[in-house]
Amino acid sequence: MMDLIKELIAQYGYFALFFLLALGIVGLPIPDETLMTFVGYLTSIQVFNFYIALAVSFSGSLSGMIFSYFLGRKFGRPLLLKYGKWLRLTPAKLNKAEGWFNKYGLWAVSFGYFIPGIRHFTCYLSGISGVGFRKYLLFAGSGAFVWCVTFITAGYFIGESIGVLSD
């Protein structure tokens, strides 16, 4: 999968980054954290600009979250139960995410970003539960921004460390 992602990034650059993250957040099996760390590495070797990569990553992530929210709002839990299996969204994962969401509310959206599998469900669950869009956007956007900064920065420093070691 990473070979395909690398090829897409090499050929389409920021556009591929945007769409890969949006689709990954919706639930397609894209290794988001690995992708973000790789993007950080690419910024360390000046293939991507750090700030543009951050803006594109944030926009792609937030777009996927907004799409998931509106899918949840429009079609609800039956959509996840019926089609989730094709996106690795099993009933067990859905129940776990619902537990998190019920216990932590919108904080689950912000911090759930750092838990693979949970991140995908909390967006849908926000829409299903009828959370107001502005409130959702505040929590989702905050989590997405911190997530993007964390992984791109980690990749950047890993890339710099590799450069120092190879000198």
N, C-alpha and C. Protein backbone atom coordinates (compact mmCIF):
# COMPACT_ATOMS: atom_id res chain seq x y z
N MET A 1 0.82 -1.20 0.00
CA MET A 1 0.00 0.00 0.00
C MET A 1 0.87 1.26 0.00
N MET A 2 1.94 1.24 0.80
CA MET A 2 2.79 2.43 0.85
C MET A 2 3.47 2.70 -0.50
N ASP A 3 3.75 1.65 -1.26
CA ASP A 3 4.35 1.88 -2.58
C ASP A 3 3.39 2.66 -3.48
N LEU A 4 2.13 2.29 -3.43
CA LEU A 4 1.11 3.02 -4.21
C LEU A 4 1.00 4.46 -3.72
N ILE A 5 1.01 4.64 -2.41
CA ILE A 5 0.91 5.99 -1.84
C ILE A 5 2.11 6.83 -2.26
N LYS A 6 3.30 6.25 -2.20
CA LYS A 6 4.51 6.98 -2.62
C LYS A 6 4.42 7.38 -4.09
N GLU A 7 3.93 6.46 -4.91
CA GLU A 7 3.78 6.75 -6.34
C GLU A 7 2.77 7.88 -6.57
N LEU A 8 1.66 7.83 -5.89
CA LEU A 8 0.65 8.89 -6.02
C LEU A 8 1.19 10.24 -5.57
N ILE A 9 1.92 10.25 -4.46
CA ILE A 9 2.51 11.49 -3.94
C ILE A 9 3.55 12.01 -4.93
N ALA A 10 4.37 11.11 -5.47
CA ALA A 10 5.40 11.54 -6.43
C ALA A 10 4.77 12.13 -7.69
N GLN A 11 3.67 11.55 -8.12
CA GLN A 11 3.05 12.01 -9.36
C GLN A 11 2.13 13.21 -9.18
N TYR A 12 1.36 13.22 -8.08
CA TYR A 12 0.34 14.26 -7.92
C TYR A 12 0.57 15.20 -6.74
N GLY A 13 1.62 14.97 -5.98
CA GLY A 13 2.01 15.87 -4.91
C GLY A 13 0.93 16.18 -3.89
N TYR A 14 0.70 17.47 -3.68
CA TYR A 14 -0.25 17.93 -2.66
C TYR A 14 -1.67 17.45 -2.93
N PHE A 15 -2.04 17.34 -4.20
CA PHE A 15 -3.40 16.86 -4.53
C PHE A 15 -3.61 15.44 -4.01
N ALA A 16 -2.62 14.58 -4.22
CA ALA A 16 -2.70 13.20 -3.73
C ALA A 16 -2.77 13.19 -2.21
N LEU A 17 -1.97 14.02 -1.57
CA LEU A 17 -1.98 14.11 -0.12
C LEU A 17 -3.37 14.46 0.40
N PHE A 18 -3.98 15.47 -0.18
CA PHE A 18 -5.32 15.91 0.22
C PHE A 18 -6.32 14.76 0.11
N PHE A 19 -6.38 14.14 -1.05
CA PHE A 19 -7.39 13.10 -1.29
C PHE A 19 -7.12 11.82 -0.50
N LEU A 20 -5.86 11.45 -0.35
CA LEU A 20 -5.55 10.26 0.45
C LEU A 20 -5.98 10.44 1.89
N LEU A 21 -5.73 11.62 2.45
CA LEU A 21 -6.15 11.85 3.84
C LEU A 21 -7.66 11.93 3.97
N ALA A 22 -8.31 12.60 3.03
CA ALA A 22 -9.78 12.68 3.09
C ALA A 22 -10.39 11.29 3.02
N LEU A 23 -9.91 10.46 2.12
CA LEU A 23 -10.44 9.10 1.98
C LEU A 23 -10.08 8.23 3.17
N GLY A 24 -8.89 8.44 3.72
CA GLY A 24 -8.49 7.68 4.89
C GLY A 24 -9.34 7.99 6.11
N ILE A 25 -9.70 9.24 6.27
CA ILE A 25 -10.55 9.63 7.40
C ILE A 25 -11.96 9.08 7.22
N VAL A 26 -12.44 9.03 6.00
CA VAL A 26 -13.76 8.47 5.74
C VAL A 26 -13.78 6.99 6.11
N GLY A 27 -12.64 6.32 6.01
CA GLY A 27 -12.58 4.93 6.44
C GLY A 27 -11.90 3.98 5.50
N LEU A 28 -11.42 4.45 4.35
CA LEU A 28 -10.70 3.56 3.45
C LEU A 28 -9.38 3.15 4.11
N PRO A 29 -8.90 1.96 3.82
CA PRO A 29 -7.69 1.46 4.51
C PRO A 29 -6.41 2.12 4.02
N ILE A 30 -6.23 3.35 4.44
CA ILE A 30 -5.03 4.12 4.10
C ILE A 30 -4.28 4.34 5.42
N PRO A 31 -2.99 4.01 5.46
CA PRO A 31 -2.24 4.15 6.72
C PRO A 31 -1.94 5.64 7.00
N ASP A 32 -2.90 6.31 7.61
CA ASP A 32 -2.82 7.76 7.80
C ASP A 32 -1.58 8.22 8.56
N GLU A 33 -1.29 7.58 9.68
CA GLU A 33 -0.14 8.01 10.48
C GLU A 33 1.17 7.82 9.71
N THR A 34 1.28 6.70 9.01
CA THR A 34 2.47 6.44 8.20
C THR A 34 2.58 7.47 7.09
N LEU A 35 1.46 7.77 6.45
CA LEU A 35 1.44 8.78 5.39
C LEU A 35 1.89 10.13 5.94
N MET A 36 1.36 10.52 7.09
CA MET A 36 1.71 11.83 7.65
C MET A 36 3.18 11.90 8.04
N THR A 37 3.69 10.82 8.60
CA THR A 37 5.11 10.78 8.96
C THR A 37 5.98 10.85 7.71
N PHE A 38 5.57 10.16 6.67
CA PHE A 38 6.28 10.21 5.39
C PHE A 38 6.26 11.63 4.82
N VAL A 39 5.14 12.30 4.91
CA VAL A 39 5.04 13.69 4.44
C VAL A 39 5.99 14.58 5.24
N GLY A 40 6.07 14.34 6.55
CA GLY A 40 7.03 15.10 7.36
C GLY A 40 8.45 14.87 6.91
N TYR A 41 8.76 13.62 6.59
CA TYR A 41 10.09 13.30 6.06
C TYR A 41 10.33 14.07 4.75
N LEU A 42 9.32 14.09 3.88
CA LEU A 42 9.46 14.81 2.61
C LEU A 42 9.68 16.31 2.82
N THR A 43 9.13 16.85 3.90
CA THR A 43 9.39 18.27 4.18
C THR A 43 10.83 18.46 4.64
N SER A 44 11.39 17.47 5.33
CA SER A 44 12.77 17.60 5.81
C SER A 44 13.78 17.58 4.68
N ILE A 45 13.42 16.97 3.56
CA ILE A 45 14.33 16.93 2.41
C ILE A 45 13.88 17.91 1.31
N GLN A 46 13.02 18.82 1.68
CA GLN A 46 12.52 19.90 0.82
C GLN A 46 11.77 19.44 -0.44
N VAL A 47 11.16 18.27 -0.40
CA VAL A 47 10.29 17.85 -1.49
C VAL A 47 8.96 18.60 -1.35
N PHE A 48 8.49 18.72 -0.10
CA PHE A 48 7.29 19.48 0.23
C PHE A 48 7.69 20.64 1.13
N ASN A 49 6.95 21.70 1.07
CA ASN A 49 7.09 22.79 2.02
C ASN A 49 6.32 22.41 3.28
N PHE A 50 6.93 22.58 4.44
CA PHE A 50 6.32 22.16 5.70
C PHE A 50 4.94 22.78 5.90
N TYR A 51 4.84 24.07 5.72
CA TYR A 51 3.58 24.78 6.01
C TYR A 51 2.49 24.47 4.98
N ILE A 52 2.89 24.32 3.74
CA ILE A 52 1.89 23.95 2.72
C ILE A 52 1.42 22.52 2.97
N ALA A 53 2.36 21.62 3.29
CA ALA A 53 1.99 20.24 3.59
C ALA A 53 1.06 20.17 4.79
N LEU A 54 1.34 20.98 5.79
CA LEU A 54 0.48 21.03 6.97
C LEU A 54 -0.92 21.53 6.61
N ALA A 55 -1.00 22.59 5.82
CA ALA A 55 -2.30 23.15 5.41
C ALA A 55 -3.09 22.15 4.56
N VAL A 56 -2.42 21.49 3.64
CA VAL A 56 -3.08 20.51 2.77
C VAL A 56 -3.52 19.29 3.58
N SER A 57 -2.68 18.83 4.48
CA SER A 57 -3.02 17.69 5.33
C SER A 57 -4.22 18.01 6.22
N PHE A 58 -4.19 19.18 6.82
CA PHE A 58 -5.30 19.61 7.67
C PHE A 58 -6.59 19.72 6.86
N SER A 59 -6.50 20.30 5.68
CA SER A 59 -7.68 20.44 4.82
C SER A 59 -8.24 19.09 4.39
N GLY A 60 -7.36 18.18 4.01
CA GLY A 60 -7.80 16.84 3.60
C GLY A 60 -8.44 16.09 4.75
N SER A 61 -7.82 16.15 5.92
CA SER A 61 -8.36 15.48 7.10
C SER A 61 -9.72 16.06 7.47
N LEU A 62 -9.80 17.36 7.51
CA LEU A 62 -11.06 18.01 7.88
C LEU A 62 -12.15 17.75 6.85
N SER A 63 -11.79 17.70 5.59
CA SER A 63 -12.77 17.39 4.54
C SER A 63 -13.35 15.99 4.75
N GLY A 64 -12.48 15.03 5.05
CA GLY A 64 -12.95 13.66 5.33
C GLY A 64 -13.84 13.62 6.55
N MET A 65 -13.50 14.40 7.57
CA MET A 65 -14.31 14.43 8.78
C MET A 65 -15.69 15.05 8.53
N ILE A 66 -15.70 16.10 7.76
CA ILE A 66 -16.98 16.77 7.45
C ILE A 66 -17.86 15.84 6.62
N PHE A 67 -17.28 15.18 5.65
CA PHE A 67 -18.04 14.24 4.82
C PHE A 67 -18.61 13.12 5.69
N SER A 68 -17.79 12.56 6.58
CA SER A 68 -18.24 11.50 7.47
C SER A 68 -19.36 11.98 8.39
N TYR A 69 -19.22 13.20 8.90
CA TYR A 69 -20.25 13.78 9.78
C TYR A 69 -21.59 13.85 9.05
N PHE A 70 -21.56 14.37 7.82
CA PHE A 70 -22.82 14.51 7.09
C PHE A 70 -23.39 13.16 6.64
N LEU A 71 -22.53 12.19 6.37
CA LEU A 71 -23.04 10.83 6.11
C LEU A 71 -23.76 10.28 7.34
N GLY A 72 -23.14 10.47 8.50
CA GLY A 72 -23.76 10.02 9.74
C GLY A 72 -25.06 10.74 10.01
N ARG A 73 -25.07 12.02 9.74
CA ARG A 73 -26.28 12.82 10.00
C ARG A 73 -27.43 12.41 9.07
N LYS A 74 -27.09 12.14 7.81
CA LYS A 74 -28.12 11.84 6.81
C LYS A 74 -28.60 10.38 6.89
N PHE A 75 -27.66 9.46 7.03
CA PHE A 75 -28.01 8.04 6.92
C PHE A 75 -27.95 7.26 8.24
N GLY A 76 -27.27 7.79 9.23
CA GLY A 76 -27.27 7.19 10.56
C GLY A 76 -26.54 5.87 10.71
N ARG A 77 -26.82 5.24 11.82
CA ARG A 77 -26.16 3.99 12.22
C ARG A 77 -26.39 2.85 11.22
N PRO A 78 -27.57 2.72 10.61
CA PRO A 78 -27.77 1.62 9.65
C PRO A 78 -26.75 1.62 8.51
N LEU A 79 -26.31 2.80 8.09
CA LEU A 79 -25.28 2.89 7.04
C LEU A 79 -23.99 2.21 7.51
N LEU A 80 -23.59 2.50 8.73
CA LEU A 80 -22.36 1.91 9.25
C LEU A 80 -22.48 0.41 9.42
N LEU A 81 -23.63 -0.03 9.89
CA LEU A 81 -23.80 -1.47 10.10
C LEU A 81 -23.86 -2.23 8.77
N LYS A 82 -24.45 -1.61 7.76
CA LYS A 82 -24.61 -2.29 6.48
C LYS A 82 -23.33 -2.27 5.64
N TYR A 83 -22.68 -1.12 5.56
CA TYR A 83 -21.53 -0.98 4.65
C TYR A 83 -20.18 -0.85 5.35
N GLY A 84 -20.20 -0.72 6.64
CA GLY A 84 -18.96 -0.52 7.37
C GLY A 84 -17.95 -1.64 7.23
N LYS A 85 -18.44 -2.85 7.04
CA LYS A 85 -17.51 -4.00 6.95
C LYS A 85 -16.53 -3.84 5.80
N TRP A 86 -16.92 -3.13 4.74
CA TRP A 86 -16.03 -2.94 3.60
C TRP A 86 -14.98 -1.88 3.87
N LEU A 87 -15.20 -1.11 4.91
CA LEU A 87 -14.25 -0.07 5.29
C LEU A 87 -13.56 -0.40 6.62
N ARG A 88 -13.61 -1.67 6.99
CA ARG A 88 -13.04 -2.15 8.26
C ARG A 88 -13.75 -1.55 9.47
N LEU A 89 -14.99 -1.17 9.31
CA LEU A 89 -15.78 -0.62 10.41
C LEU A 89 -16.73 -1.71 10.91
N THR A 90 -16.22 -2.55 11.78
CA THR A 90 -17.00 -3.69 12.26
C THR A 90 -17.96 -3.24 13.37
N PRO A 91 -19.01 -4.02 13.63
CA PRO A 91 -19.91 -3.69 14.74
C PRO A 91 -19.18 -3.58 16.08
N ALA A 92 -18.16 -4.42 16.30
CA ALA A 92 -17.40 -4.34 17.55
C ALA A 92 -16.68 -3.00 17.67
N LYS A 93 -16.06 -2.55 16.58
CA LYS A 93 -15.39 -1.25 16.60
C LYS A 93 -16.41 -0.12 16.78
N LEU A 94 -17.55 -0.28 16.15
CA LEU A 94 -18.60 0.74 16.28
C LEU A 94 -19.06 0.83 17.74
N ASN A 95 -19.27 -0.30 18.39
CA ASN A 95 -19.68 -0.29 19.79
C ASN A 95 -18.62 0.34 20.68
N LYS A 96 -17.35 0.05 20.39
CA LYS A 96 -16.25 0.64 21.17
C LYS A 96 -16.23 2.16 20.98
N ALA A 97 -16.39 2.60 19.75
CA ALA A 97 -16.39 4.04 19.47
C ALA A 97 -17.60 4.71 20.11
N GLU A 98 -18.75 4.05 20.06
CA GLU A 98 -19.94 4.62 20.71
C GLU A 98 -19.73 4.76 22.21
N GLY A 99 -19.09 3.79 22.81
CA GLY A 99 -18.77 3.87 24.23
C GLY A 99 -17.90 5.07 24.54
N TRP A 100 -16.86 5.26 23.74
CA TRP A 100 -15.98 6.42 23.88
C TRP A 100 -16.77 7.71 23.69
N PHE A 101 -17.57 7.72 22.65
CA PHE A 101 -18.32 8.94 22.33
C PHE A 101 -19.30 9.28 23.45
N ASN A 102 -19.99 8.27 23.97
CA ASN A 102 -20.95 8.51 25.05
C ASN A 102 -20.25 8.94 26.34
N LYS A 103 -19.06 8.41 26.57
CA LYS A 103 -18.33 8.74 27.80
C LYS A 103 -17.66 10.12 27.71
N TYR A 104 -17.05 10.42 26.56
CA TYR A 104 -16.24 11.63 26.46
C TYR A 104 -16.85 12.71 25.57
N GLY A 105 -17.93 12.41 24.90
CA GLY A 105 -18.58 13.42 24.06
C GLY A 105 -17.68 13.88 22.93
N LEU A 106 -17.72 15.17 22.68
CA LEU A 106 -16.94 15.71 21.56
C LEU A 106 -15.43 15.66 21.78
N TRP A 107 -15.01 15.47 23.04
CA TRP A 107 -13.57 15.29 23.26
C TRP A 107 -13.09 14.01 22.60
N ALA A 108 -13.99 13.04 22.44
CA ALA A 108 -13.63 11.81 21.73
C ALA A 108 -13.28 12.11 20.28
N VAL A 109 -13.90 13.12 19.71
CA VAL A 109 -13.59 13.51 18.33
C VAL A 109 -12.17 14.09 18.28
N SER A 110 -11.85 14.97 19.22
CA SER A 110 -10.52 15.59 19.23
C SER A 110 -9.42 14.58 19.53
N PHE A 111 -9.58 13.81 20.60
CA PHE A 111 -8.52 12.89 21.02
C PHE A 111 -8.60 11.55 20.31
N GLY A 112 -9.78 11.22 19.78
CA GLY A 112 -9.94 9.98 19.03
C GLY A 112 -9.10 9.96 17.76
N TYR A 113 -8.68 11.12 17.33
CA TYR A 113 -7.82 11.22 16.16
C TYR A 113 -6.55 10.39 16.32
N PHE A 114 -6.09 10.27 17.55
CA PHE A 114 -4.84 9.58 17.81
C PHE A 114 -5.02 8.08 18.02
N ILE A 115 -6.25 7.60 17.86
CA ILE A 115 -6.53 6.17 18.06
C ILE A 115 -7.10 5.62 16.76
N PRO A 116 -6.27 4.89 15.99
CA PRO A 116 -6.77 4.35 14.73
C PRO A 116 -8.04 3.52 14.95
N GLY A 117 -8.97 3.70 14.06
CA GLY A 117 -10.25 3.00 14.18
C GLY A 117 -11.28 3.86 14.89
N ILE A 118 -10.91 4.43 16.02
CA ILE A 118 -11.83 5.31 16.75
C ILE A 118 -12.03 6.59 15.96
N ARG A 119 -10.95 7.10 15.40
CA ARG A 119 -10.99 8.36 14.64
C ARG A 119 -12.08 8.32 13.56
N HIS A 120 -12.23 7.18 12.91
CA HIS A 120 -13.17 7.08 11.80
C HIS A 120 -14.61 7.09 12.28
N PHE A 121 -14.86 6.44 13.41
CA PHE A 121 -16.24 6.33 13.90
C PHE A 121 -16.76 7.60 14.55
N THR A 122 -15.89 8.32 15.25
CA THR A 122 -16.37 9.49 15.99
C THR A 122 -16.99 10.53 15.07
N CYS A 123 -16.49 10.62 13.86
CA CYS A 123 -17.05 11.57 12.90
C CYS A 123 -18.49 11.19 12.55
N TYR A 124 -18.67 9.93 12.23
CA TYR A 124 -20.01 9.44 11.91
C TYR A 124 -20.93 9.58 13.12
N LEU A 125 -20.41 9.22 14.30
CA LEU A 125 -21.23 9.27 15.51
C LEU A 125 -21.65 10.68 15.87
N SER A 126 -20.80 11.65 15.56
CA SER A 126 -21.18 13.05 15.80
C SER A 126 -22.38 13.42 14.96
N GLY A 127 -22.38 13.00 13.71
CA GLY A 127 -23.52 13.27 12.84
C GLY A 127 -24.76 12.51 13.26
N ILE A 128 -24.58 11.25 13.63
CA ILE A 128 -25.70 10.41 14.06
C ILE A 128 -26.36 10.99 15.31
N SER A 129 -25.54 11.47 16.25
CA SER A 129 -26.07 11.95 17.52
C SER A 129 -26.67 13.34 17.43
N GLY A 130 -26.53 13.99 16.29
CA GLY A 130 -27.14 15.31 16.11
C GLY A 130 -26.36 16.47 16.71
N VAL A 131 -25.06 16.27 16.95
CA VAL A 131 -24.22 17.35 17.45
C VAL A 131 -24.28 18.50 16.43
N GLY A 132 -24.37 19.72 16.91
CA GLY A 132 -24.38 20.89 16.02
C GLY A 132 -23.11 20.97 15.20
N PHE A 133 -23.24 21.37 13.94
CA PHE A 133 -22.10 21.36 13.03
C PHE A 133 -20.97 22.29 13.50
N ARG A 134 -21.29 23.49 13.95
CA ARG A 134 -20.23 24.42 14.38
C ARG A 134 -19.45 23.87 15.57
N LYS A 135 -20.17 23.30 16.51
CA LYS A 135 -19.52 22.71 17.68
C LYS A 135 -18.64 21.53 17.24
N TYR A 136 -19.18 20.70 16.37
CA TYR A 136 -18.42 19.57 15.84
C TYR A 136 -17.16 20.06 15.13
N LEU A 137 -17.31 21.07 14.31
CA LEU A 137 -16.18 21.60 13.54
C LEU A 137 -15.08 22.11 14.45
N LEU A 138 -15.45 22.75 15.55
CA LEU A 138 -14.46 23.24 16.50
C LEU A 138 -13.64 22.09 17.09
N PHE A 139 -14.31 21.05 17.56
CA PHE A 139 -13.61 19.93 18.17
C PHE A 139 -12.86 19.10 17.12
N ALA A 140 -13.50 18.85 15.99
CA ALA A 140 -12.87 18.06 14.93
C ALA A 140 -11.66 18.80 14.37
N GLY A 141 -11.82 20.08 14.13
CA GLY A 141 -10.72 20.88 13.59
C GLY A 141 -9.54 20.96 14.53
N SER A 142 -9.82 21.11 15.81
CA SER A 142 -8.73 21.15 16.80
C SER A 142 -7.96 19.84 16.82
N GLY A 143 -8.70 18.73 16.86
CA GLY A 143 -8.04 17.42 16.86
C GLY A 143 -7.25 17.18 15.59
N ALA A 144 -7.84 17.53 14.45
CA ALA A 144 -7.16 17.34 13.16
C ALA A 144 -5.87 18.16 13.09
N PHE A 145 -5.93 19.39 13.57
CA PHE A 145 -4.75 20.25 13.51
C PHE A 145 -3.62 19.70 14.37
N VAL A 146 -3.94 19.32 15.61
CA VAL A 146 -2.91 18.77 16.50
C VAL A 146 -2.35 17.48 15.93
N TRP A 147 -3.21 16.63 15.37
CA TRP A 147 -2.78 15.37 14.77
C TRP A 147 -1.83 15.62 13.60
N CYS A 148 -2.20 16.52 12.72
CA CYS A 148 -1.35 16.83 11.56
C CYS A 148 0.00 17.39 12.00
N VAL A 149 -0.02 18.35 12.91
CA VAL A 149 1.24 18.94 13.39
C VAL A 149 2.12 17.87 14.03
N THR A 150 1.52 17.01 14.84
CA THR A 150 2.29 15.98 15.55
C THR A 150 3.01 15.04 14.58
N PHE A 151 2.27 14.49 13.63
CA PHE A 151 2.88 13.48 12.75
C PHE A 151 3.79 14.08 11.69
N ILE A 152 3.44 15.23 11.17
CA ILE A 152 4.33 15.86 10.18
C ILE A 152 5.63 16.30 10.87
N THR A 153 5.52 16.85 12.06
CA THR A 153 6.72 17.26 12.80
C THR A 153 7.58 16.07 13.15
N ALA A 154 6.96 14.98 13.59
CA ALA A 154 7.73 13.76 13.91
C ALA A 154 8.47 13.28 12.66
N GLY A 155 7.78 13.24 11.53
CA GLY A 155 8.42 12.82 10.28
C GLY A 155 9.55 13.75 9.87
N TYR A 156 9.35 15.03 10.11
CA TYR A 156 10.39 16.02 9.79
C TYR A 156 11.66 15.74 10.60
N PHE A 157 11.50 15.53 11.91
CA PHE A 157 12.67 15.29 12.75
C PHE A 157 13.29 13.94 12.50
N ILE A 158 12.50 12.96 12.15
CA ILE A 158 13.06 11.65 11.74
C ILE A 158 13.90 11.84 10.49
N GLY A 159 13.39 12.60 9.54
CA GLY A 159 14.12 12.87 8.30
C GLY A 159 15.42 13.62 8.56
N GLU A 160 15.36 14.60 9.45
CA GLU A 160 16.58 15.34 9.80
C GLU A 160 17.60 14.43 10.47
N SER A 161 17.11 13.53 11.32
CA SER A 161 18.01 12.59 12.02
C SER A 161 18.68 11.65 11.02
N ILE A 162 17.91 11.21 10.03
CA ILE A 162 18.49 10.35 9.00
C ILE A 162 19.58 11.10 8.24
N GLY A 163 19.33 12.38 7.96
CA GLY A 163 20.33 13.20 7.27
C GLY A 163 21.59 13.35 8.08
N VAL A 164 21.47 13.56 9.38
CA VAL A 164 22.63 13.71 10.27
C VAL A 164 23.40 12.40 10.33
N LEU A 165 22.68 11.28 10.42
CA LEU A 165 23.35 9.98 10.51
C LEU A 165 24.08 9.60 9.23
N SER A 166 23.57 10.08 8.08
CA SER A 166 24.20 9.72 6.82
C SER A 166 25.38 10.61 6.46
N ASP A 167 25.56 11.70 7.22
CA ASP A 167 26.70 12.60 6.95
C ASP A 167 28.01 12.04 7.42
